[in-house]
PDB file of N, CA and C in Angstrom:
ATOM      1  N   MET A   1      -5.613  16.423 -24.681  1.00  0.00           N
ATOM      2  CA  MET A   1      -5.696  15.209 -23.927  1.00  0.00           C
ATOM      3  C   MET A   1      -7.045  14.583 -24.176  1.00  0.00           C
ATOM      4  N   SER A   2      -7.054  13.350 -24.573  1.00  0.00           N
ATOM      5  CA  SER A   2      -8.301  12.654 -24.856  1.00  0.00           C
ATOM      6  C   SER A   2      -8.805  11.936 -23.592  1.00  0.00           C
ATOM      7  N   VAL A   3     -10.012  11.419 -23.735  1.00  0.00           N
ATOM      8  CA  VAL A   3     -10.573  10.675 -22.614  1.00  0.00           C
ATOM      9  C   VAL A   3      -9.785   9.387 -22.367  1.00  0.00           C
ATOM     10  N   GLY A   4      -9.265   8.807 -23.412  1.00  0.00           N
ATOM     11  CA  GLY A   4      -8.433   7.606 -23.283  1.00  0.00           C
ATOM     12  C   GLY A   4      -7.181   7.871 -22.500  1.00  0.00           C
ATOM     13  N   ASP A   5      -6.552   9.041 -22.724  1.00  0.00           N
ATOM     14  CA  ASP A   5      -5.377   9.383 -21.968  1.00  0.00           C
ATOM     15  C   ASP A   5      -5.707   9.546 -20.500  1.00  0.00           C
ATOM     16  N   ALA A   6      -6.805  10.205 -20.186  1.00  0.00           N
ATOM     17  CA  ALA A   6      -7.213  10.389 -18.801  1.00  0.00           C
ATOM     18  C   ALA A   6      -7.494   9.052 -18.128  1.00  0.00           C
ATOM     19  N   VAL A   7      -8.156   8.151 -18.859  1.00  0.00           N
ATOM     20  CA  VAL A   7      -8.438   6.821 -18.309  1.00  0.00           C
ATOM     21  C   VAL A   7      -7.153   6.067 -18.057  1.00  0.00           C
ATOM     22  N   ASN A   8      -6.193   6.146 -18.958  1.00  0.00           N
ATOM     23  CA  ASN A   8      -4.885   5.480 -18.770  1.00  0.00           C
ATOM     24  C   ASN A   8      -4.140   6.027 -17.550  1.00  0.00           C
ATOM     25  N   ILE A   9      -4.215   7.338 -17.363  1.00  0.00           N
ATOM     26  CA  ILE A   9      -3.542   7.931 -16.217  1.00  0.00           C
ATOM     27  C   ILE A   9      -4.212   7.485 -14.916  1.00  0.00           C
ATOM     28  N   MET A  10      -5.523   7.483 -14.898  1.00  0.00           N
ATOM     29  CA  MET A  10      -6.237   7.035 -13.686  1.00  0.00           C
ATOM     30  C   MET A  10      -5.995   5.534 -13.410  1.00  0.00           C
ATOM     31  N   ARG A  11      -5.964   4.720 -14.470  1.00  0.00           N
ATOM     32  CA  ARG A  11      -5.693   3.283 -14.315  1.00  0.00           C
ATOM     33  C   ARG A  11      -4.299   3.106 -13.757  1.00  0.00           C
ATOM     34  N   GLY A  12      -3.325   3.842 -14.246  1.00  0.00           N
ATOM     35  CA  GLY A  12      -1.964   3.744 -13.741  1.00  0.00           C
ATOM     36  C   GLY A  12      -1.865   4.154 -12.295  1.00  0.00           C
ATOM     37  N   ALA A  13      -2.624   5.201 -11.918  1.00  0.00           N
ATOM     38  CA  ALA A  13      -2.585   5.651 -10.502  1.00  0.00           C
ATOM     39  C   ALA A  13      -3.222   4.614  -9.591  1.00  0.00           C
ATOM     40  N   ILE A  14      -4.300   3.998 -10.017  1.00  0.00           N
ATOM     41  CA  ILE A  14      -4.932   2.964  -9.187  1.00  0.00           C
ATOM     42  C   ILE A  14      -4.034   1.745  -9.039  1.00  0.00           C
ATOM     43  N   ILE A  15      -3.417   1.327 -10.125  1.00  0.00           N
ATOM     44  CA  ILE A  15      -2.504   0.175 -10.076  1.00  0.00           C
ATOM     45  C   ILE A  15      -1.321   0.464  -9.193  1.00  0.00           C
ATOM     46  N   GLU A  16      -0.772   1.656  -9.329  1.00  0.00           N
ATOM     47  CA  GLU A  16       0.398   2.076  -8.482  1.00  0.00           C
ATOM     48  C   GLU A  16      -0.007   2.114  -6.996  1.00  0.00           C
ATOM     49  N   THR A  17      -1.198   2.594  -6.699  1.00  0.00           N
ATOM     50  CA  THR A  17      -1.671   2.605  -5.317  1.00  0.00           C
ATOM     51  C   THR A  17      -1.846   1.205  -4.765  1.00  0.00           C
ATOM     52  N   MET A  18      -2.385   0.294  -5.596  1.00  0.00           N
ATOM     53  CA  MET A  18      -2.556  -1.079  -5.133  1.00  0.00           C
ATOM     54  C   MET A  18      -1.233  -1.768  -4.916  1.00  0.00           C
ATOM     55  N   ILE A  19      -0.268  -1.516  -5.791  1.00  0.00           N
ATOM     56  CA  ILE A  19       1.042  -2.148  -5.614  1.00  0.00           C
ATOM     57  C   ILE A  19       1.753  -1.647  -4.394  1.00  0.00           C
ATOM     58  N   LEU A  20       1.650  -0.328  -4.123  1.00  0.00           N
ATOM     59  CA  LEU A  20       2.365   0.241  -3.000  1.00  0.00           C
ATOM     60  C   LEU A  20       1.708  -0.080  -1.648  1.00  0.00           C
ATOM     61  N   SER A  21       0.414  -0.261  -1.632  1.00  0.00           N
ATOM     62  CA  SER A  21      -0.278  -0.544  -0.382  1.00  0.00           C
ATOM     63  C   SER A  21      -0.379  -2.021  -0.038  1.00  0.00           C
ATOM     64  N   SER A  22      -0.216  -2.887  -1.031  1.00  0.00           N
ATOM     65  CA  SER A  22      -0.452  -4.306  -0.799  1.00  0.00           C
ATOM     66  C   SER A  22       0.535  -4.956   0.216  1.00  0.00           C
ATOM     67  N   PRO A  23       1.798  -4.619   0.265  1.00  0.00           N
ATOM     68  CA  PRO A  23       2.637  -5.261   1.296  1.00  0.00           C
ATOM     69  C   PRO A  23       2.166  -4.981   2.717  1.00  0.00           C
ATOM     70  N   MET A  24       1.836  -3.722   3.001  1.00  0.00           N
ATOM     71  CA  MET A  24       1.405  -3.411   4.341  1.00  0.00           C
ATOM     72  C   MET A  24       0.059  -4.024   4.681  1.00  0.00           C
ATOM     73  N   LEU A  25      -0.858  -4.038   3.693  1.00  0.00           N
ATOM     74  CA  LEU A  25      -2.168  -4.622   3.952  1.00  0.00           C
ATOM     75  C   LEU A  25      -2.080  -6.132   4.171  1.00  0.00           C
ATOM     76  N   LEU A  26      -1.240  -6.816   3.381  1.00  0.00           N
ATOM     77  CA  LEU A  26      -1.075  -8.246   3.547  1.00  0.00           C
ATOM     78  C   LEU A  26      -0.445  -8.588   4.902  1.00  0.00           C
ATOM     79  N   VAL A  27       0.523  -7.825   5.325  1.00  0.00           N
ATOM     80  CA  VAL A  27       1.148  -8.068   6.618  1.00  0.00           C
ATOM     81  C   VAL A  27       0.152  -7.847   7.723  1.00  0.00           C
ATOM     82  N   ALA A  28      -0.623  -6.754   7.643  1.00  0.00           N
ATOM     83  CA  ALA A  28      -1.625  -6.479   8.661  1.00  0.00           C
ATOM     84  C   ALA A  28      -2.685  -7.589   8.707  1.00  0.00           C
ATOM     85  N   MET A  29      -3.061  -8.116   7.545  1.00  0.00           N
ATOM     86  CA  MET A  29      -4.042  -9.178   7.492  1.00  0.00           C
ATOM     87  C   MET A  29      -3.475 -10.476   8.142  1.00  0.00           C
ATOM     88  N   VAL A  30      -2.258 -10.822   7.812  1.00  0.00           N
ATOM     89  CA  VAL A  30      -1.663 -12.017   8.369  1.00  0.00           C
ATOM     90  C   VAL A  30      -1.492 -11.914   9.887  1.00  0.00           C
ATOM     91  N   VAL A  31      -0.988 -10.770  10.342  1.00  0.00           N
ATOM     92  CA  VAL A  31      -0.811 -10.564  11.770  1.00  0.00           C
ATOM     93  C   VAL A  31      -2.176 -10.592  12.472  1.00  0.00           C
ATOM     94  N   GLY A  32      -3.171  -9.999  11.909  1.00  0.00           N
ATOM     95  CA  GLY A  32      -4.505 -10.007  12.510  1.00  0.00           C
ATOM     96  C   GLY A  32      -5.061 -11.424  12.579  1.00  0.00           C
ATOM     97  N   LEU A  33      -4.848 -12.222  11.543  1.00  0.00           N
ATOM     98  CA  LEU A  33      -5.319 -13.600  11.507  1.00  0.00           C
ATOM     99  C   LEU A  33      -4.630 -14.435  12.584  1.00  0.00           C
ATOM    100  N   VAL A  34      -3.308 -14.253  12.707  1.00  0.00           N
ATOM    101  CA  VAL A  34      -2.533 -15.021  13.713  1.00  0.00           C
ATOM    102  C   VAL A  34      -3.026 -14.645  15.115  1.00  0.00           C
ATOM    103  N   ILE A  35      -3.218 -13.351  15.362  1.00  0.00           N
ATOM    104  CA  ILE A  35      -3.675 -12.902  16.677  1.00  0.00           C
ATOM    105  C   ILE A  35      -5.084 -13.364  16.957  1.00  0.00           C
ATOM    106  N   SER A  36      -5.938 -13.387  15.945  1.00  0.00           N
ATOM    107  CA  SER A  36      -7.311 -13.888  16.109  1.00  0.00           C
ATOM    108  C   SER A  36      -7.329 -15.350  16.462  1.00  0.00           C
ATOM    109  N   ILE A  37      -6.464 -16.134  15.820  1.00  0.00           N
ATOM    110  CA  ILE A  37      -6.386 -17.563  16.131  1.00  0.00           C
ATOM    111  C   ILE A  37      -5.843 -17.726  17.568  1.00  0.00           C
ATOM    112  N   PHE A  38      -4.883 -16.938  17.935  1.00  0.00           N
ATOM    113  CA  PHE A  38      -4.358 -16.990  19.326  1.00  0.00           C
ATOM    114  C   PHE A  38      -5.412 -16.623  20.305  1.00  0.00           C
ATOM    115  N   GLN A  39      -6.209 -15.593  20.024  1.00  0.00           N
ATOM    116  CA  GLN A  39      -7.266 -15.199  20.939  1.00  0.00           C
ATOM    117  C   GLN A  39      -8.351 -16.267  21.037  1.00  0.00           C
ATOM    118  N   ALA A  40      -8.652 -16.922  19.935  1.00  0.00           N
ATOM    119  CA  ALA A  40      -9.681 -17.961  19.964  1.00  0.00           C
ATOM    120  C   ALA A  40      -9.229 -19.194  20.728  1.00  0.00           C
ATOM    121  N   THR A  41      -7.946 -19.532  20.618  1.00  0.00           N
ATOM    122  CA  THR A  41      -7.457 -20.719  21.328  1.00  0.00           C
ATOM    123  C   THR A  41      -7.255 -20.476  22.812  1.00  0.00           C
ATOM    124  N   THR A  42      -6.963 -19.268  23.203  1.00  0.00           N
ATOM    125  CA  THR A  42      -6.695 -18.986  24.602  1.00  0.00           C
ATOM    126  C   THR A  42      -7.877 -18.331  25.305  1.00  0.00           C
ATOM    127  N   SER A  43      -8.936 -18.050  24.572  1.00  0.00           N
ATOM    128  CA  SER A  43     -10.143 -17.395  25.109  1.00  0.00           C
ATOM    129  C   SER A  43      -9.853 -16.043  25.675  1.00  0.00           C
ATOM    130  N   ILE A  44      -8.797 -15.375  25.202  1.00  0.00           N
ATOM    131  CA  ILE A  44      -8.519 -13.998  25.555  1.00  0.00           C
ATOM    132  C   ILE A  44      -9.253 -13.099  24.594  1.00  0.00           C
ATOM    133  N   GLN A  45     -10.181 -12.303  25.072  1.00  0.00           N
ATOM    134  CA  GLN A  45     -11.022 -11.475  24.219  1.00  0.00           C
ATOM    135  C   GLN A  45     -10.719  -9.995  24.377  1.00  0.00           C
ATOM    136  N   GLU A  46      -9.458  -9.660  24.555  1.00  0.00           N
ATOM    137  CA  GLU A  46      -9.039  -8.262  24.663  1.00  0.00           C
ATOM    138  C   GLU A  46      -8.965  -7.635  23.296  1.00  0.00           C
ATOM    139  N   GLN A  47      -9.730  -6.585  23.075  1.00  0.00           N
ATOM    140  CA  GLN A  47      -9.808  -5.965  21.743  1.00  0.00           C
ATOM    141  C   GLN A  47      -8.526  -5.196  21.421  1.00  0.00           C
ATOM    142  N   THR A  48      -7.857  -4.651  22.403  1.00  0.00           N
ATOM    143  CA  THR A  48      -6.654  -3.853  22.129  1.00  0.00           C
ATOM    144  C   THR A  48      -5.427  -4.690  21.849  1.00  0.00           C
ATOM    145  N   LEU A  49      -5.517  -5.993  22.004  1.00  0.00           N
ATOM    146  CA  LEU A  49      -4.389  -6.889  21.789  1.00  0.00           C
ATOM    147  C   LEU A  49      -3.943  -6.890  20.343  1.00  0.00           C
ATOM    148  N   THR A  50      -4.851  -6.629  19.414  1.00  0.00           N
ATOM    149  CA  THR A  50      -4.507  -6.675  18.003  1.00  0.00           C
ATOM    150  C   THR A  50      -3.796  -5.438  17.503  1.00  0.00           C
ATOM    151  N   PHE A  51      -4.005  -4.307  18.105  1.00  0.00           N
ATOM    152  CA  PHE A  51      -3.489  -3.035  17.561  1.00  0.00           C
ATOM    153  C   PHE A  51      -1.961  -2.929  17.580  1.00  0.00           C
ATOM    154  N   VAL A  52      -1.362  -3.195  18.721  1.00  0.00           N
ATOM    155  CA  VAL A  52       0.084  -3.010  18.873  1.00  0.00           C
ATOM    156  C   VAL A  52       0.890  -3.914  17.915  1.00  0.00           C
ATOM    157  N   PRO A  53       0.603  -5.225  17.854  1.00  0.00           N
ATOM    158  CA  PRO A  53       1.350  -6.033  16.871  1.00  0.00           C
ATOM    159  C   PRO A  53       1.129  -5.627  15.450  1.00  0.00           C
ATOM    160  N   LYS A  54      -0.089  -5.231  15.083  1.00  0.00           N
ATOM    161  CA  LYS A  54      -0.354  -4.804  13.712  1.00  0.00           C
ATOM    162  C   LYS A  54       0.445  -3.543  13.397  1.00  0.00           C
ATOM    163  N   ILE A  55       0.422  -2.577  14.295  1.00  0.00           N
ATOM    164  CA  ILE A  55       1.165  -1.335  14.062  1.00  0.00           C
ATOM    165  C   ILE A  55       2.665  -1.610  13.976  1.00  0.00           C
ATOM    166  N   ALA A  56       3.167  -2.465  14.861  1.00  0.00           N
ATOM    167  CA  ALA A  56       4.595  -2.785  14.826  1.00  0.00           C
ATOM    168  C   ALA A  56       4.982  -3.476  13.513  1.00  0.00           C
ATOM    169  N   ALA A  57       4.134  -4.399  13.073  1.00  0.00           N
ATOM    170  CA  ALA A  57       4.424  -5.104  11.823  1.00  0.00           C
ATOM    171  C   ALA A  57       4.340  -4.187  10.613  1.00  0.00           C
ATOM    172  N   ILE A  58       3.403  -3.281  10.613  1.00  0.00           N
ATOM    173  CA  ILE A  58       3.289  -2.304   9.498  1.00  0.00           C
ATOM    174  C   ILE A  58       4.478  -1.379   9.485  1.00  0.00           C
ATOM    175  N   MET A  59       4.904  -0.924  10.639  1.00  0.00           N
ATOM    176  CA  MET A  59       6.094  -0.069  10.730  1.00  0.00           C
ATOM    177  C   MET A  59       7.351  -0.805  10.259  1.00  0.00           C
ATOM    178  N   LEU A  60       7.444  -2.093  10.577  1.00  0.00           N
ATOM    179  CA  LEU A  60       8.579  -2.865  10.142  1.00  0.00           C
ATOM    180  C   LEU A  60       8.606  -3.016   8.598  1.00  0.00           C
ATOM    181  N   VAL A  61       7.441  -3.295   8.045  1.00  0.00           N
ATOM    182  CA  VAL A  61       7.352  -3.416   6.572  1.00  0.00           C
ATOM    183  C   VAL A  61       7.652  -2.092   5.928  1.00  0.00           C
ATOM    184  N   LEU A  62       7.139  -1.011   6.517  1.00  0.00           N
ATOM    185  CA  LEU A  62       7.413   0.327   5.981  1.00  0.00           C
ATOM    186  C   LEU A  62       8.901   0.671   6.057  1.00  0.00           C
ATOM    187  N   ALA A  63       9.542   0.256   7.134  1.00  0.00           N
ATOM    188  CA  ALA A  63      10.993   0.503   7.258  1.00  0.00           C
ATOM    189  C   ALA A  63      11.782  -0.306   6.247  1.00  0.00           C
ATOM    190  N   MET A  64      11.330  -1.546   5.993  1.00  0.00           N
ATOM    191  CA  MET A  64      12.058  -2.424   5.060  1.00  0.00           C
ATOM    192  C   MET A  64      11.789  -2.023   3.592  1.00  0.00           C
ATOM    193  N   LEU A  65      10.560  -1.681   3.264  1.00  0.00           N
ATOM    194  CA  LEU A  65      10.184  -1.435   1.863  1.00  0.00           C
ATOM    195  C   LEU A  65       9.999   0.033   1.537  1.00  0.00           C
ATOM    196  N   GLY A  66      10.257   0.913   2.507  1.00  0.00           N
ATOM    197  CA  GLY A  66       9.992   2.350   2.267  1.00  0.00           C
ATOM    198  C   GLY A  66      10.819   2.934   1.115  1.00  0.00           C
ATOM    199  N   GLY A  67      12.064   2.489   0.980  1.00  0.00           N
ATOM    200  CA  GLY A  67      12.873   2.962  -0.103  1.00  0.00           C
ATOM    201  C   GLY A  67      12.345   2.561  -1.460  1.00  0.00           C
ATOM    202  N   TRP A  68      11.951   1.297  -1.544  1.00  0.00           N
ATOM    203  CA  TRP A  68      11.358   0.825  -2.828  1.00  0.00           C
ATOM    204  C   TRP A  68      10.057   1.531  -3.120  1.00  0.00           C
ATOM    205  N   MET A  69       9.248   1.746  -2.084  1.00  0.00           N
ATOM    206  CA  MET A  69       7.952   2.420  -2.288  1.00  0.00           C
ATOM    207  C   MET A  69       8.159   3.861  -2.751  1.00  0.00           C
ATOM    208  N   PHE A  70       9.084   4.558  -2.140  1.00  0.00           N
ATOM    209  CA  PHE A  70       9.365   5.911  -2.522  1.00  0.00           C
ATOM    210  C   PHE A  70       9.945   5.984  -3.922  1.00  0.00           C
ATOM    211  N   GLY A  71      10.827   5.058  -4.275  1.00  0.00           N
ATOM    212  CA  GLY A  71      11.416   5.022  -5.604  1.00  0.00           C
ATOM    213  C   GLY A  71      10.374   4.767  -6.663  1.00  0.00           C
ATOM    214  N   SER A  72       9.458   3.829  -6.391  1.00  0.00           N
ATOM    215  CA  SER A  72       8.394   3.519  -7.329  1.00  0.00           C
ATOM    216  C   SER A  72       7.448   4.719  -7.524  1.00  0.00           C
ATOM    217  N   LEU A  73       7.118   5.374  -6.455  1.00  0.00           N
ATOM    218  CA  LEU A  73       6.234   6.545  -6.523  1.00  0.00           C
ATOM    219  C   LEU A  73       6.932   7.711  -7.228  1.00  0.00           C
ATOM    220  N   ALA A  74       8.232   7.857  -7.011  1.00  0.00           N
ATOM    221  CA  ALA A  74       8.969   8.923  -7.684  1.00  0.00           C
ATOM    222  C   ALA A  74       9.076   8.657  -9.188  1.00  0.00           C
ATOM    223  N   GLN A  75       9.284   7.404  -9.554  1.00  0.00           N
ATOM    224  CA  GLN A  75       9.351   7.026 -10.958  1.00  0.00           C
ATOM    225  C   GLN A  75       7.990   7.287 -11.643  1.00  0.00           C
ATOM    226  N   TYR A  76       6.916   6.939 -10.965  1.00  0.00           N
ATOM    227  CA  TYR A  76       5.574   7.143 -11.544  1.00  0.00           C
ATOM    228  C   TYR A  76       5.299   8.655 -11.708  1.00  0.00           C
ATOM    229  N   THR A  77       5.698   9.448 -10.704  1.00  0.00           N
ATOM    230  CA  THR A  77       5.508  10.893 -10.780  1.00  0.00           C
ATOM    231  C   THR A  77       6.360  11.507 -11.901  1.00  0.00           C
ATOM    232  N   GLN A  78       7.567  11.041 -12.055  1.00  0.00           N
ATOM    233  CA  GLN A  78       8.400  11.525 -13.157  1.00  0.00           C
ATOM    234  C   GLN A  78       7.781  11.195 -14.534  1.00  0.00           C
ATOM    235  N   SER A  79       7.213   9.979 -14.637  1.00  0.00           N
ATOM    236  CA  SER A  79       6.583   9.641 -15.888  1.00  0.00           C
ATOM    237  C   SER A  79       5.357  10.511 -16.164  1.00  0.00           C
ATOM    238  N   LEU A  80       4.626  10.883 -15.121  1.00  0.00           N
ATOM    239  CA  LEU A  80       3.490  11.784 -15.308  1.00  0.00           C
ATOM    240  C   LEU A  80       3.958  13.174 -15.741  1.00  0.00           C
ATOM    241  N   PHE A  81       5.021  13.681 -15.152  1.00  0.00           N
ATOM    242  CA  PHE A  81       5.559  14.963 -15.552  1.00  0.00           C
ATOM    243  C   PHE A  81       6.122  14.925 -16.962  1.00  0.00           C
ATOM    244  N   ALA A  82       6.650  13.813 -17.366  1.00  0.00           N
ATOM    245  CA  ALA A  82       7.199  13.670 -18.729  1.00  0.00           C
ATOM    246  C   ALA A  82       6.071  13.665 -19.758  1.00  0.00           C
ATOM    247  N   MET A  83       4.855  13.294 -19.358  1.00  0.00           N
ATOM    248  CA  MET A  83       3.712  13.291 -20.299  1.00  0.00           C
ATOM    249  C   MET A  83       3.102  14.664 -20.483  1.00  0.00           C
ATOM    250  N   ILE A  84       3.418  15.606 -19.622  1.00  0.00           N
ATOM    251  CA  ILE A  84       2.746  16.934 -19.688  1.00  0.00           C
ATOM    252  C   ILE A  84       2.946  17.604 -21.041  1.00  0.00           C
ATOM    253  N   PRO A  85       4.165  17.657 -21.596  1.00  0.00           N
ATOM    254  CA  PRO A  85       4.315  18.348 -22.875  1.00  0.00           C
ATOM    255  C   PRO A  85       3.473  17.741 -24.018  1.00  0.00           C
ATOM    256  N   SER A  86       3.322  16.424 -24.009  1.00  0.00           N
ATOM    257  CA  SER A  86       2.545  15.809 -25.052  1.00  0.00           C
ATOM    258  C   SER A  86       1.055  16.055 -24.936  1.00  0.00           C
ATOM    259  N   MET A  87       0.614  16.470 -23.757  1.00  0.00           N
ATOM    260  CA  MET A  87      -0.806  16.714 -23.513  1.00  0.00           C
ATOM    261  C   MET A  87      -1.163  18.181 -23.824  1.00  0.00           C
ATOM    262  N   ALA A  88      -0.205  19.027 -23.960  1.00  0.00           N
ATOM    263  CA  ALA A  88      -0.452  20.481 -24.094  1.00  0.00           C
ATOM    264  C   ALA A  88      -0.675  20.909 -25.538  1.00  0.00           C
ATOM    265  N   HIS A  89      -0.859  20.045 -26.467  1.00  0.00           N
ATOM    266  CA  HIS A  89      -1.033  20.443 -27.864  1.00  0.00           C
ATOM    267  C   HIS A  89      -2.403  20.952 -28.139  1.00  0.00           C
TER     268      HIS A  89
END
């Protein structure tokens, strides 16, 4: 296994991680922004107000996209295992 192979594997892992985490992070960011705007307009400065909607939104996204996320991660893992014989020379 060369250094280039290791770099390609690490690059693929980082890209896969970014793709799988981006839906949840984007939803959490949007929900946080909406709640921040709501808090600013109503002068409600309760810090715990943001946690429950963010957690609920993340769980909803995870429930909707969990199958796709698991399938994508399984496909990436299978491709890694398929590369093992070529690296053992």
